[in-house]
Structures are given as C-alpha cells and as structure tokens.
PDB file of N, CA and C in Angstrom:
ATOM      1  N   UNK A   1     134.165 169.375 151.148  1.00  0.00           N
ATOM      2  CA  UNK A   1     134.730 169.539 152.477  1.00  0.00           C
ATOM      3  C   UNK A   1     133.669 169.267 153.548  1.00  0.00           C
ATOM      4  N   UNK A   2     132.499 169.870 153.421  1.00  0.00           N
ATOM      5  CA  UNK A   2     131.442 169.647 154.399  1.00  0.00           C
ATOM      6  C   UNK A   2     130.962 168.201 154.343  1.00  0.00           C
ATOM      7  N   UNK A   3     130.901 167.662 153.143  1.00  0.00           N
ATOM      8  CA  UNK A   3     130.474 166.272 152.985  1.00  0.00           C
ATOM      9  C   UNK A   3     131.414 165.326 153.738  1.00  0.00           C
ATOM     10  N   UNK A   4     132.710 165.545 153.634  1.00  0.00           N
ATOM     11  CA  UNK A   4     133.681 164.713 154.345  1.00  0.00           C
ATOM     12  C   UNK A   4     133.506 164.846 155.856  1.00  0.00           C
ATOM     13  N   UNK A   5     133.228 166.060 156.309  1.00  0.00           N
ATOM     14  CA  UNK A   5     133.037 166.290 157.732  1.00  0.00           C
ATOM     15  C   UNK A   5     131.824 165.503 158.242  1.00  0.00           C
ATOM     16  N   UNK A   6     130.736 165.549 157.488  1.00  0.00           N
ATOM     17  CA  UNK A   6     129.524 164.838 157.897  1.00  0.00           C
ATOM     18  C   UNK A   6     129.739 163.332 157.861  1.00  0.00           C
ATOM     19  N   UNK A   7     130.408 162.846 156.836  1.00  0.00           N
ATOM     20  CA  UNK A   7     130.650 161.405 156.729  1.00  0.00           C
ATOM     21  C   UNK A   7     131.568 160.901 157.839  1.00  0.00           C
ATOM     22  N   UNK A   8     132.509 161.721 158.291  1.00  0.00           N
ATOM     23  CA  UNK A   8     133.467 161.314 159.314  1.00  0.00           C
ATOM     24  C   UNK A   8     133.006 161.660 160.735  1.00  0.00           C
ATOM     25  N   UNK A   9     131.892 162.355 160.855  1.00  0.00           N
ATOM     26  CA  UNK A   9     131.432 162.797 162.172  1.00  0.00           C
ATOM     27  C   UNK A   9     130.960 161.615 163.012  1.00  0.00           C
ATOM     28  N   UNK A  10     131.229 161.689 164.294  1.00  0.00           N
ATOM     29  CA  UNK A  10     130.789 160.674 165.241  1.00  0.00           C
ATOM     30  C   UNK A  10     129.770 161.325 166.168  1.00  0.00           C
ATOM     31  N   UNK A  11     128.504 161.184 165.813  1.00  0.00           N
ATOM     32  CA  UNK A  11     127.456 161.867 166.559  1.00  0.00           C
ATOM     33  C   UNK A  11     127.160 161.229 167.910  1.00  0.00           C
ATOM     34  N   UNK A  12     127.643 160.015 168.156  1.00  0.00           N
ATOM     35  CA  UNK A  12     127.430 159.387 169.453  1.00  0.00           C
ATOM     36  C   UNK A  12     128.176 160.116 170.562  1.00  0.00           C
ATOM     37  N   UNK A  13     129.215 160.860 170.212  1.00  0.00           N
ATOM     38  CA  UNK A  13     129.995 161.587 171.211  1.00  0.00           C
ATOM     39  C   UNK A  13     129.403 162.956 171.533  1.00  0.00           C
ATOM     40  N   UNK A  14     128.306 163.310 170.909  1.00  0.00           N
ATOM     41  CA  UNK A  14     127.704 164.628 171.117  1.00  0.00           C
ATOM     42  C   UNK A  14     126.369 164.492 171.833  1.00  0.00           C
ATOM     43  N   UNK A  15     125.801 165.608 172.186  1.00  0.00           N
ATOM     44  CA  UNK A  15     124.478 165.618 172.791  1.00  0.00           C
ATOM     45  C   UNK A  15     123.388 165.331 171.777  1.00  0.00           C
ATOM     46  N   UNK A  16     123.725 165.367 170.509  1.00  0.00           N
ATOM     47  CA  UNK A  16     122.756 165.136 169.448  1.00  0.00           C
ATOM     48  C   UNK A  16     122.145 163.738 169.545  1.00  0.00           C
ATOM     49  N   UNK A  17     122.963 162.730 169.708  1.00  0.00           N
ATOM     50  CA  UNK A  17     122.475 161.351 169.803  1.00  0.00           C
ATOM     51  C   UNK A  17     121.629 161.166 171.060  1.00  0.00           C
ATOM     52  N   UNK A  18     122.047 161.785 172.156  1.00  0.00           N
ATOM     53  CA  UNK A  18     121.285 161.679 173.401  1.00  0.00           C
ATOM     54  C   UNK A  18     119.911 162.318 173.250  1.00  0.00           C
ATOM     55  N   UNK A  19     119.868 163.500 172.643  1.00  0.00           N
ATOM     56  CA  UNK A  19     118.601 164.187 172.433  1.00  0.00           C
ATOM     57  C   UNK A  19     117.675 163.360 171.555  1.00  0.00           C
ATOM     58  N   UNK A  20     118.204 162.809 170.483  1.00  0.00           N
ATOM     59  CA  UNK A  20     117.396 161.966 169.603  1.00  0.00           C
ATOM     60  C   UNK A  20     116.878 160.733 170.332  1.00  0.00           C
ATOM     61  N   UNK A  21     117.677 160.179 171.227  1.00  0.00           N
ATOM     62  CA  UNK A  21     117.222 159.002 171.957  1.00  0.00           C
ATOM     63  C   UNK A  21     116.049 159.336 172.878  1.00  0.00           C
ATOM     64  N   UNK A  22     115.991 160.564 173.384  1.00  0.00           N
ATOM     65  CA  UNK A  22     114.898 160.970 174.267  1.00  0.00           C
ATOM     66  C   UNK A  22     113.595 161.188 173.516  1.00  0.00           C
ATOM     67  N   UNK A  23     113.685 161.731 172.312  1.00  0.00           N
ATOM     68  CA  UNK A  23     112.465 162.104 171.581  1.00  0.00           C
ATOM     69  C   UNK A  23     112.186 161.204 170.393  1.00  0.00           C
ATOM     70  N   UNK A  24     112.920 160.102 170.269  1.00  0.00           N
ATOM     71  CA  UNK A  24     112.674 159.203 169.142  1.00  0.00           C
ATOM     72  C   UNK A  24     111.357 158.467 169.362  1.00  0.00           C
ATOM     73  N   UNK A  25     110.734 158.115 168.301  1.00  0.00           N
ATOM     74  CA  UNK A  25     109.454 157.424 168.359  1.00  0.00           C
ATOM     75  C   UNK A  25     108.438 158.145 167.509  1.00  0.00           C
ATOM     76  N   UNK A  26     107.384 157.446 167.213  1.00  0.00           N
ATOM     77  CA  UNK A  26     106.390 157.963 166.286  1.00  0.00           C
ATOM     78  C   UNK A  26     105.591 159.137 166.867  1.00  0.00           C
ATOM     79  N   UNK A  27     105.320 159.105 168.171  1.00  0.00           N
ATOM     80  CA  UNK A  27     104.395 160.078 168.743  1.00  0.00           C
ATOM     81  C   UNK A  27     105.013 161.094 169.692  1.00  0.00           C
ATOM     82  N   UNK A  28     106.232 160.892 170.139  1.00  0.00           N
ATOM     83  CA  UNK A  28     106.787 161.746 171.194  1.00  0.00           C
ATOM     84  C   UNK A  28     106.896 163.214 170.795  1.00  0.00           C
ATOM     85  N   UNK A  29     107.329 163.485 169.584  1.00  0.00           N
ATOM     86  CA  UNK A  29     107.438 164.889 169.157  1.00  0.00           C
ATOM     87  C   UNK A  29     106.069 165.549 169.103  1.00  0.00           C
ATOM     88  N   UNK A  30     105.063 164.817 168.647  1.00  0.00           N
ATOM     89  CA  UNK A  30     103.708 165.364 168.563  1.00  0.00           C
ATOM     90  C   UNK A  30     103.145 165.590 169.964  1.00  0.00           C
ATOM     91  N   UNK A  31     103.427 164.677 170.881  1.00  0.00           N
ATOM     92  CA  UNK A  31     102.994 164.846 172.272  1.00  0.00           C
ATOM     93  C   UNK A  31     103.618 166.105 172.862  1.00  0.00           C
ATOM     94  N   UNK A  32     104.918 166.277 172.670  1.00  0.00           N
ATOM     95  CA  UNK A  32     105.592 167.469 173.197  1.00  0.00           C
ATOM     96  C   UNK A  32     105.032 168.745 172.576  1.00  0.00           C
ATOM     97  N   UNK A  33     104.732 168.705 171.292  1.00  0.00           N
ATOM     98  CA  UNK A  33     104.168 169.881 170.629  1.00  0.00           C
ATOM     99  C   UNK A  33     102.788 170.214 171.207  1.00  0.00           C
ATOM    100  N   UNK A  34     101.950 169.200 171.387  1.00  0.00           N
ATOM    101  CA  UNK A  34     100.615 169.430 171.954  1.00  0.00           C
ATOM    102  C   UNK A  34     100.709 170.004 173.365  1.00  0.00           C
ATOM    103  N   UNK A  35     101.643 169.490 174.151  1.00  0.00           N
ATOM    104  CA  UNK A  35     101.801 170.013 175.511  1.00  0.00           C
ATOM    105  C   UNK A  35     102.315 171.444 175.493  1.00  0.00           C
ATOM    106  N   UNK A  36     103.145 171.765 174.519  1.00  0.00           N
ATOM    107  CA  UNK A  36     103.652 173.130 174.405  1.00  0.00           C
ATOM    108  C   UNK A  36     102.519 174.092 174.040  1.00  0.00           C
ATOM    109  N   UNK A  37     101.642 173.677 173.151  1.00  0.00           N
ATOM    110  CA  UNK A  37     100.567 174.544 172.673  1.00  0.00           C
ATOM    111  C   UNK A  37      99.378 174.615 173.617  1.00  0.00           C
ATOM    112  N   UNK A  38      98.982 173.490 174.212  1.00  0.00           N
ATOM    113  CA  UNK A  38      97.703 173.412 174.920  1.00  0.00           C
ATOM    114  C   UNK A  38      97.814 173.080 176.393  1.00  0.00           C
ATOM    115  N   UNK A  39      98.970 173.222 176.999  1.00  0.00           N
ATOM    116  CA  UNK A  39      99.117 172.732 178.358  1.00  0.00           C
ATOM    117  C   UNK A  39      98.324 173.527 179.365  1.00  0.00           C
ATOM    118  N   UNK A  40      97.933 172.948 180.483  1.00  0.00           N
ATOM    119  CA  UNK A  40      98.028 171.525 180.797  1.00  0.00           C
ATOM    120  C   UNK A  40      96.948 170.740 180.053  1.00  0.00           C
ATOM    121  N   UNK A  41      97.222 169.465 179.804  1.00  0.00           N
ATOM    122  CA  UNK A  41      96.330 168.633 179.007  1.00  0.00           C
ATOM    123  C   UNK A  41      96.046 167.334 179.752  1.00  0.00           C
ATOM    124  N   UNK A  42      94.776 166.944 179.751  1.00  0.00           N
ATOM    125  CA  UNK A  42      94.399 165.659 180.329  1.00  0.00           C
ATOM    126  C   UNK A  42      94.573 164.560 179.294  1.00  0.00           C
ATOM    127  N   UNK A  43      94.596 163.317 179.766  1.00  0.00           N
ATOM    128  CA  UNK A  43      94.908 162.168 178.915  1.00  0.00           C
ATOM    129  C   UNK A  43      93.980 162.070 177.698  1.00  0.00           C
ATOM    130  N   UNK A  44      92.682 162.110 177.915  1.00  0.00           N
ATOM    131  CA  UNK A  44      91.733 161.962 176.804  1.00  0.00           C
ATOM    132  C   UNK A  44      91.796 163.138 175.838  1.00  0.00           C
ATOM    133  N   UNK A  45      92.064 164.318 176.363  1.00  0.00           N
ATOM    134  CA  UNK A  45      92.245 165.494 175.510  1.00  0.00           C
ATOM    135  C   UNK A  45      93.433 165.287 174.575  1.00  0.00           C
ATOM    136  N   UNK A  46      94.523 164.822 175.148  1.00  0.00           N
ATOM    137  CA  UNK A  46      95.733 164.561 174.367  1.00  0.00           C
ATOM    138  C   UNK A  46      95.482 163.471 173.330  1.00  0.00           C
ATOM    139  N   UNK A  47      94.722 162.475 173.711  1.00  0.00           N
ATOM    140  CA  UNK A  47      94.386 161.395 172.781  1.00  0.00           C
ATOM    141  C   UNK A  47      93.574 161.940 171.601  1.00  0.00           C
ATOM    142  N   UNK A  48      92.665 162.863 171.843  1.00  0.00           N
ATOM    143  CA  UNK A  48      91.889 163.474 170.756  1.00  0.00           C
ATOM    144  C   UNK A  48      92.784 164.284 169.826  1.00  0.00           C
ATOM    145  N   UNK A  49      93.744 165.011 170.384  1.00  0.00           N
ATOM    146  CA  UNK A  49      94.666 165.802 169.558  1.00  0.00           C
ATOM    147  C   UNK A  49      95.508 164.908 168.648  1.00  0.00           C
ATOM    148  N   UNK A  50      95.907 163.753 169.170  1.00  0.00           N
ATOM    149  CA  UNK A  50      96.813 162.878 168.430  1.00  0.00           C
ATOM    150  C   UNK A  50      96.112 162.016 167.391  1.00  0.00           C
ATOM    151  N   UNK A  51      94.817 161.834 167.514  1.00  0.00           N
ATOM    152  CA  UNK A  51      94.103 161.016 166.534  1.00  0.00           C
ATOM    153  C   UNK A  51      94.208 159.543 166.864  1.00  0.00           C
ATOM    154  N   UNK A  52      94.679 158.755 165.907  1.00  0.00           N
ATOM    155  CA  UNK A  52      94.704 157.298 166.061  1.00  0.00           C
ATOM    156  C   UNK A  52      95.930 156.859 166.855  1.00  0.00           C
ATOM    157  N   UNK A  53      95.733 156.733 168.153  1.00  0.00           N
ATOM    158  CA  UNK A  53      96.771 156.213 169.041  1.00  0.00           C
ATOM    159  C   UNK A  53      96.067 155.430 170.141  1.00  0.00           C
ATOM    160  N   UNK A  54      96.603 154.281 170.484  1.00  0.00           N
ATOM    161  CA  UNK A  54      95.963 153.464 171.516  1.00  0.00           C
ATOM    162  C   UNK A  54      96.279 154.034 172.899  1.00  0.00           C
ATOM    163  N   UNK A  55      95.441 153.676 173.858  1.00  0.00           N
ATOM    164  CA  UNK A  55      95.659 154.116 175.241  1.00  0.00           C
ATOM    165  C   UNK A  55      97.011 153.631 175.757  1.00  0.00           C
ATOM    166  N   UNK A  56      97.330 152.380 175.428  1.00  0.00           N
ATOM    167  CA  UNK A  56      98.586 151.792 175.907  1.00  0.00           C
ATOM    168  C   UNK A  56      99.794 152.543 175.346  1.00  0.00           C
ATOM    169  N   UNK A  57      99.763 152.859 174.046  1.00  0.00           N
ATOM    170  CA  UNK A  57     100.895 153.556 173.421  1.00  0.00           C
ATOM    171  C   UNK A  57     101.049 154.957 173.989  1.00  0.00           C
ATOM    172  N   UNK A  58      99.940 155.676 174.126  1.00  0.00           N
ATOM    173  CA  UNK A  58     100.007 157.027 174.677  1.00  0.00           C
ATOM    174  C   UNK A  58     100.514 156.994 176.109  1.00  0.00           C
ATOM    175  N   UNK A  59      99.991 156.074 176.903  1.00  0.00           N
ATOM    176  CA  UNK A  59     100.417 155.955 178.291  1.00  0.00           C
ATOM    177  C   UNK A  59     101.904 155.627 178.385  1.00  0.00           C
ATOM    178  N   UNK A  60     102.370 154.712 177.549  1.00  0.00           N
ATOM    179  CA  UNK A  60     103.781 154.322 177.560  1.00  0.00           C
ATOM    180  C   UNK A  60     104.679 155.498 177.163  1.00  0.00           C
ATOM    181  N   UNK A  61     104.293 156.233 176.120  1.00  0.00           N
ATOM    182  CA  UNK A  61     105.084 157.388 175.688  1.00  0.00           C
ATOM    183  C   UNK A  61     105.121 158.466 176.767  1.00  0.00           C
ATOM    184  N   UNK A  62     103.989 158.715 177.412  1.00  0.00           N
ATOM    185  CA  UNK A  62     103.962 159.716 178.486  1.00  0.00           C
ATOM    186  C   UNK A  62     104.844 159.294 179.659  1.00  0.00           C
ATOM    187  N   UNK A  63     104.819 158.013 180.004  1.00  0.00           N
ATOM    188  CA  UNK A  63     105.667 157.522 181.103  1.00  0.00           C
ATOM    189  C   UNK A  63     107.144 157.662 180.760  1.00  0.00           C
ATOM    190  N   UNK A  64     107.506 157.365 179.503  1.00  0.00           N
ATOM    191  CA  UNK A  64     108.908 157.504 179.094  1.00  0.00           C
ATOM    192  C   UNK A  64     109.334 158.968 179.126  1.00  0.00           C
ATOM    193  N   UNK A  65     108.484 159.862 178.635  1.00  0.00           N
ATOM    194  CA  UNK A  65     108.807 161.289 178.647  1.00  0.00           C
ATOM    195  C   UNK A  65     108.879 161.818 180.079  1.00  0.00           C
ATOM    196  N   UNK A  66     108.007 161.320 180.944  1.00  0.00           N
ATOM    197  CA  UNK A  66     108.046 161.718 182.352  1.00  0.00           C
ATOM    198  C   UNK A  66     109.322 161.205 183.019  1.00  0.00           C
ATOM    199  N   UNK A  67     109.728 159.993 182.680  1.00  0.00           N
ATOM    200  CA  UNK A  67     110.960 159.430 183.231  1.00  0.00           C
ATOM    201  C   UNK A  67     112.196 160.200 182.806  1.00  0.00           C
ATOM    202  N   UNK A  68     112.135 160.815 181.626  1.00  0.00           N
ATOM    203  CA  UNK A  68     113.248 161.625 181.120  1.00  0.00           C
ATOM    204  C   UNK A  68     113.120 163.094 181.537  1.00  0.00           C
ATOM    205  N   UNK A  69     112.162 163.402 182.394  1.00  0.00           N
ATOM    206  CA  UNK A  69     111.900 164.765 182.896  1.00  0.00           C
ATOM    207  C   UNK A  69     111.545 165.744 181.780  1.00  0.00           C
ATOM    208  N   UNK A  70     110.908 165.253 180.729  1.00  0.00           N
ATOM    209  CA  UNK A  70     110.450 166.135 179.655  1.00  0.00           C
ATOM    210  C   UNK A  70     108.979 166.478 179.813  1.00  0.00           C
ATOM    211  N   UNK A  71     108.260 165.707 180.627  1.00  0.00           N
ATOM    212  CA  UNK A  71     106.840 165.928 180.867  1.00  0.00           C
ATOM    213  C   UNK A  71     106.593 165.844 182.366  1.00  0.00           C
ATOM    214  N   UNK A  72     105.721 166.720 182.847  1.00  0.00           N
ATOM    215  CA  UNK A  72     105.347 166.709 184.261  1.00  0.00           C
ATOM    216  C   UNK A  72     103.923 166.173 184.376  1.00  0.00           C
ATOM    217  N   UNK A  73     103.691 165.288 185.323  1.00  0.00           N
ATOM    218  CA  UNK A  73     102.380 164.683 185.539  1.00  0.00           C
ATOM    219  C   UNK A  73     101.874 165.134 186.897  1.00  0.00           C
ATOM    220  N   UNK A  74     100.688 165.746 186.909  1.00  0.00           N
ATOM    221  CA  UNK A  74     100.117 166.229 188.167  1.00  0.00           C
ATOM    222  C   UNK A  74      98.819 165.477 188.435  1.00  0.00           C
ATOM    223  N   UNK A  75      98.757 164.810 189.580  1.00  0.00           N
ATOM    224  CA  UNK A  75      97.583 164.029 189.971  1.00  0.00           C
ATOM    225  C   UNK A  75      96.826 164.802 191.045  1.00  0.00           C
ATOM    226  N   UNK A  76      95.533 164.994 190.815  1.00  0.00           N
ATOM    227  CA  UNK A  76      94.681 165.667 191.783  1.00  0.00           C
ATOM    228  C   UNK A  76      93.957 164.617 192.618  1.00  0.00           C
ATOM    229  N   UNK A  77      93.973 164.767 193.954  1.00  0.00           N
ATOM    230  CA  UNK A  77      93.333 163.767 194.823  1.00  0.00           C
ATOM    231  C   UNK A  77      91.819 163.966 194.878  1.00  0.00           C
ATOM    232  N   UNK A  78      91.128 163.463 193.883  1.00  0.00           N
ATOM    233  CA  UNK A  78      89.680 163.594 193.835  1.00  0.00           C
ATOM    234  C   UNK A  78      89.088 162.377 193.142  1.00  0.00           C
ATOM    235  N   UNK A  79      87.784 162.255 193.239  1.00  0.00           N
ATOM    236  CA  UNK A  79      87.089 161.165 192.562  1.00  0.00           C
ATOM    237  C   UNK A  79      86.071 161.805 191.629  1.00  0.00           C
ATOM    238  N   UNK A  80      86.075 161.494 190.351  1.00  0.00           N
ATOM    239  CA  UNK A  80      86.975 160.597 189.641  1.00  0.00           C
ATOM    240  C   UNK A  80      88.372 161.196 189.548  1.00  0.00           C
ATOM    241  N   UNK A  81      89.384 160.344 189.368  1.00  0.00           N
ATOM    242  CA  UNK A  81      90.769 160.827 189.322  1.00  0.00           C
ATOM    243  C   UNK A  81      90.975 161.841 188.202  1.00  0.00           C
ATOM    244  N   UNK A  82      91.765 162.842 188.495  1.00  0.00           N
ATOM    245  CA  UNK A  82      92.096 163.860 187.493  1.00  0.00           C
ATOM    246  C   UNK A  82      93.621 163.939 187.396  1.00  0.00           C
ATOM    247  N   UNK A  83      94.137 163.761 186.184  1.00  0.00           N
ATOM    248  CA  UNK A  83      95.582 163.809 185.943  1.00  0.00           C
ATOM    249  C   UNK A  83      95.821 164.760 184.781  1.00  0.00           C
ATOM    250  N   UNK A  84      96.749 165.693 184.966  1.00  0.00           N
ATOM    251  CA  UNK A  84      97.106 166.633 183.898  1.00  0.00           C
ATOM    252  C   UNK A  84      98.581 166.462 183.558  1.00  0.00           C
ATOM    253  N   UNK A  85      98.883 166.618 182.277  1.00  0.00           N
ATOM    254  CA  UNK A  85     100.258 166.535 181.794  1.00  0.00           C
ATOM    255  C   UNK A  85     100.651 167.902 181.250  1.00  0.00           C
ATOM    256  N   UNK A  86     101.887 168.294 181.515  1.00  0.00           N
ATOM    257  CA  UNK A  86     102.393 169.575 181.017  1.00  0.00           C
ATOM    258  C   UNK A  86     103.908 169.491 180.901  1.00  0.00           C
ATOM    259  N   UNK A  87     104.480 170.521 180.328  1.00  0.00           N
ATOM    260  CA  UNK A  87     105.941 170.603 180.254  1.00  0.00           C
ATOM    261  C   UNK A  87     106.463 171.179 181.564  1.00  0.00           C
ATOM    262  N   UNK A  88     107.634 170.758 181.993  1.00  0.00           N
ATOM    263  CA  UNK A  88     108.220 171.340 183.208  1.00  0.00           C
ATOM    264  C   UNK A  88     108.486 172.832 182.997  1.00  0.00           C
ATOM    265  N   UNK A  89     108.454 173.580 184.086  1.00  0.00           N
ATOM    266  CA  UNK A  89     108.629 175.033 184.000  1.00  0.00           C
ATOM    267  C   UNK A  89     109.961 175.448 183.403  1.00  0.00           C
ATOM    268  N   UNK A  90     111.027 174.710 183.660  1.00  0.00           N
ATOM    269  CA  UNK A  90     112.341 175.112 183.177  1.00  0.00           C
ATOM    270  C   UNK A  90     112.447 175.023 181.655  1.00  0.00           C
ATOM    271  N   UNK A  91     111.597 174.238 180.985  1.00  0.00           N
ATOM    272  CA  UNK A  91     111.675 174.089 179.529  1.00  0.00           C
ATOM    273  C   UNK A  91     110.809 175.088 178.786  1.00  0.00           C
ATOM    274  N   UNK A  92     109.990 175.834 179.490  1.00  0.00           N
ATOM    275  CA  UNK A  92     109.095 176.794 178.837  1.00  0.00           C
ATOM    276  C   UNK A  92     109.805 178.117 178.634  1.00  0.00           C
ATOM    277  N   UNK A  93     109.437 178.784 177.552  1.00  0.00           N
ATOM    278  CA  UNK A  93     110.039 180.102 177.296  1.00  0.00           C
ATOM    279  C   UNK A  93     108.986 181.117 177.019  1.00  0.00           C
TER     280      UNK A  93
END
C-alpha cells in the first residue's frame, strides 16, 4: 500500500520539490550546516571548513543561496573589505 502511494506520488505539486531545488548541489547543504554551526563566517573561513572547493564554486553557491534568501551577506565598509555570511534571523532557532 505504501509502495503504491510512493510510486504514484507527484512530488512536483508539493513543497518538497521546491525545497530540493533550493538546496540541491554538491556543497549547498554543507555550506548551510557550516553557517548554522559557526556563524557569522567569512569567505576564507568557510573555504577552510569545506576543504577542496574552488573560489568560483563557493562564490557561486553563496550567491545562489543569498538569492533564495537562505544566506545573509553583510559587507563592512572598510579596507581591506570584510564580508561575513550567516543565516537569516528568521531561520534560526
């Protein structure tokens, strides 16, 4: 009975598919976990936590997560530039 339900289920009509589309990718879940544990985190700090990830890939993933309002980016007006990434307040518990 449960097997038939799963086979006939249309997950595109639920929030499940939308959620997966936001966090899909090799590094996004790990980025979110690091931000949950160690926030706020600077770019190079996050890169050290993740291990082997290129600057371009990390930057692209952070921009996508920021665009989906899953990550907050705070820029401090100083030289050298300082940027911190964290989770938005509404997602923290």
